Amino acid sequence: MHDKMGGIYEIRVQGGGANHRLFCLLERDAADLGGSSIVAVDGLSKPPRTAASPRDYKRVRRYADEFLLERTVLR
């Protein structure tokens, strides 16, 4: 993703008449996670050909920032 969502990765799946999104962070060499990991921070489903709301993206960013802050404190 880009701009304010930089550093967050999006997995997209279509099914059941909706588009599903899973938002993840890539964590390298995380000893407490057993090594390099994909960390899911949020997800959403929406009707096809519609945009997710800015509120949804804000929530994803907030969860990602909370995770990253905890990682910084633990190191």
C-alpha atoms as a PDB file:
ATOM      1  CA  MET A   1       0.000   0.000   0.000  1.00  0.00           C
ATOM      2  CA  HIS A   2       1.161   3.610  -0.267  1.00  0.00           C
ATOM      3  CA  ASP A   3       1.009   7.058   1.379  1.00  0.00           C
ATOM      4  CA  LYS A   4      -0.413   6.851   4.922  1.00  0.00           C
ATOM      5  CA  MET A   5      -0.823   3.087   4.545  1.00  0.00           C
ATOM      6  CA  GLY A   6       2.826   2.491   3.672  1.00  0.00           C
ATOM      7  CA  GLY A   7       4.307  -0.609   5.287  1.00  0.00           C
ATOM      8  CA  ILE A   8       0.954  -2.392   5.423  1.00  0.00           C
ATOM      9  CA  TYR A   9       0.266  -5.197   2.971  1.00  0.00           C
ATOM     10  CA  GLU A  10      -3.168  -6.190   1.688  1.00  0.00           C
ATOM     11  CA  ILE A  11      -4.328  -9.666   0.776  1.00  0.00           C
ATOM     12  CA  ARG A  12      -7.397  -9.631  -1.479  1.00  0.00           C
ATOM     13  CA  VAL A  13      -9.894 -12.457  -1.951  1.00  0.00           C
ATOM     14  CA  GLN A  14     -13.236 -12.493  -3.751  1.00  0.00           C
ATOM     15  CA  GLY A  15     -16.014 -14.833  -2.748  1.00  0.00           C
ATOM     16  CA  GLY A  16     -19.570 -15.052  -1.546  1.00  0.00           C
ATOM     17  CA  GLY A  17     -20.536 -11.951  -3.496  1.00  0.00           C
ATOM     18  CA  ALA A  18     -18.051  -9.730  -1.640  1.00  0.00           C
ATOM     19  CA  ASN A  19     -14.460  -8.579  -1.712  1.00  0.00           C
ATOM     20  CA  HIS A  20     -12.499  -9.504   1.403  1.00  0.00           C
ATOM     21  CA  ARG A  21      -9.338  -7.731   2.556  1.00  0.00           C
ATOM     22  CA  LEU A  22      -6.778  -8.820   5.143  1.00  0.00           C
ATOM     23  CA  PHE A  23      -4.255  -6.184   6.216  1.00  0.00           C
ATOM     24  CA  CYS A  24      -0.846  -7.438   7.366  1.00  0.00           C
ATOM     25  CA  LEU A  25       2.592  -6.379   8.498  1.00  0.00           C
ATOM     26  CA  LEU A  26       5.794  -8.239   7.682  1.00  0.00           C
ATOM     27  CA  GLU A  27       7.944  -8.796  10.742  1.00  0.00           C
ATOM     28  CA  ARG A  28      11.523  -9.958  10.081  1.00  0.00           C
ATOM     29  CA  ASP A  29      13.625 -11.973  12.474  1.00  0.00           C
ATOM     30  CA  ALA A  30      11.140 -11.749  15.354  1.00  0.00           C
ATOM     31  CA  ALA A  31      12.526 -14.165  17.934  1.00  0.00           C
ATOM     32  CA  ASP A  32       9.363 -13.959  20.042  1.00  0.00           C
ATOM     33  CA  LEU A  33       7.260 -14.890  16.998  1.00  0.00           C
ATOM     34  CA  GLY A  34       9.480 -17.803  16.015  1.00  0.00           C
ATOM     35  CA  GLY A  35      11.247 -15.942  13.204  1.00  0.00           C
ATOM     36  CA  SER A  36      10.022 -13.944  10.245  1.00  0.00           C
ATOM     37  CA  SER A  37       6.232 -13.611  10.367  1.00  0.00           C
ATOM     38  CA  ILE A  38       3.178 -12.200   8.647  1.00  0.00           C
ATOM     39  CA  VAL A  39       1.088 -10.395  11.266  1.00  0.00           C
ATOM     40  CA  ALA A  40      -2.607  -9.820  10.464  1.00  0.00           C
ATOM     41  CA  VAL A  41      -3.771  -6.528  11.985  1.00  0.00           C
ATOM     42  CA  ASP A  42      -7.295  -6.121  10.568  1.00  0.00           C
ATOM     43  CA  GLY A  43      -9.681  -7.180   7.849  1.00  0.00           C
ATOM     44  CA  LEU A  44     -12.877  -6.150   6.139  1.00  0.00           C
ATOM     45  CA  SER A  45     -15.431  -7.249   3.574  1.00  0.00           C
ATOM     46  CA  LYS A  46     -17.174  -4.961   1.125  1.00  0.00           C
ATOM     47  CA  PRO A  47     -19.410  -5.184  -1.928  1.00  0.00           C
ATOM     48  CA  PRO A  48     -17.594  -5.530  -5.264  1.00  0.00           C
ATOM     49  CA  ARG A  49     -16.554  -2.319  -7.010  1.00  0.00           C
ATOM     50  CA  THR A  50     -16.962  -0.169  -3.903  1.00  0.00           C
ATOM     51  CA  ALA A  51     -14.284   1.628  -1.949  1.00  0.00           C
ATOM     52  CA  ALA A  52     -13.503   0.942   1.676  1.00  0.00           C
ATOM     53  CA  SER A  53     -14.296   3.931   3.848  1.00  0.00           C
ATOM     54  CA  PRO A  54     -11.545   6.251   5.074  1.00  0.00           C
ATOM     55  CA  ARG A  55     -12.635   5.242   8.589  1.00  0.00           C
ATOM     56  CA  ASP A  56     -11.709   1.626   7.793  1.00  0.00           C
ATOM     57  CA  TYR A  57      -8.240   2.612   6.606  1.00  0.00           C
ATOM     58  CA  LYS A  58      -7.762   4.795   9.688  1.00  0.00           C
ATOM     59  CA  ARG A  59      -8.605   1.838  11.927  1.00  0.00           C
ATOM     60  CA  VAL A  60      -6.137  -0.406  10.072  1.00  0.00           C
ATOM     61  CA  ARG A  61      -3.396   2.207  10.441  1.00  0.00           C
ATOM     62  CA  ARG A  62      -4.171   2.603  14.153  1.00  0.00           C
ATOM     63  CA  TYR A  63      -3.924  -1.164  14.782  1.00  0.00           C
ATOM     64  CA  ALA A  64      -0.685  -1.386  12.802  1.00  0.00           C
ATOM     65  CA  ASP A  65       0.796   1.542  14.717  1.00  0.00           C
ATOM     66  CA  GLU A  66      -0.216  -0.036  18.046  1.00  0.00           C
ATOM     67  CA  PHE A  67       1.522  -3.278  17.073  1.00  0.00           C
ATOM     68  CA  LEU A  68       4.655  -1.485  15.900  1.00  0.00           C
ATOM     69  CA  LEU A  69       4.790   0.599  19.081  1.00  0.00           C
ATOM     70  CA  GLU A  70       4.601  -2.560  21.206  1.00  0.00           C
ATOM     71  CA  ARG A  71       7.411  -4.104  19.133  1.00  0.00           C
ATOM     72  CA  THR A  72       9.568  -1.035  19.808  1.00  0.00           C
ATOM     73  CA  VAL A  73       8.886  -1.194  23.557  1.00  0.00           C
ATOM     74  CA  LEU A  74       9.705  -4.926  23.704  1.00  0.00           C
ATOM     75  CA  ARG A  75      13.071  -4.535  21.949  1.00  0.00           C
END
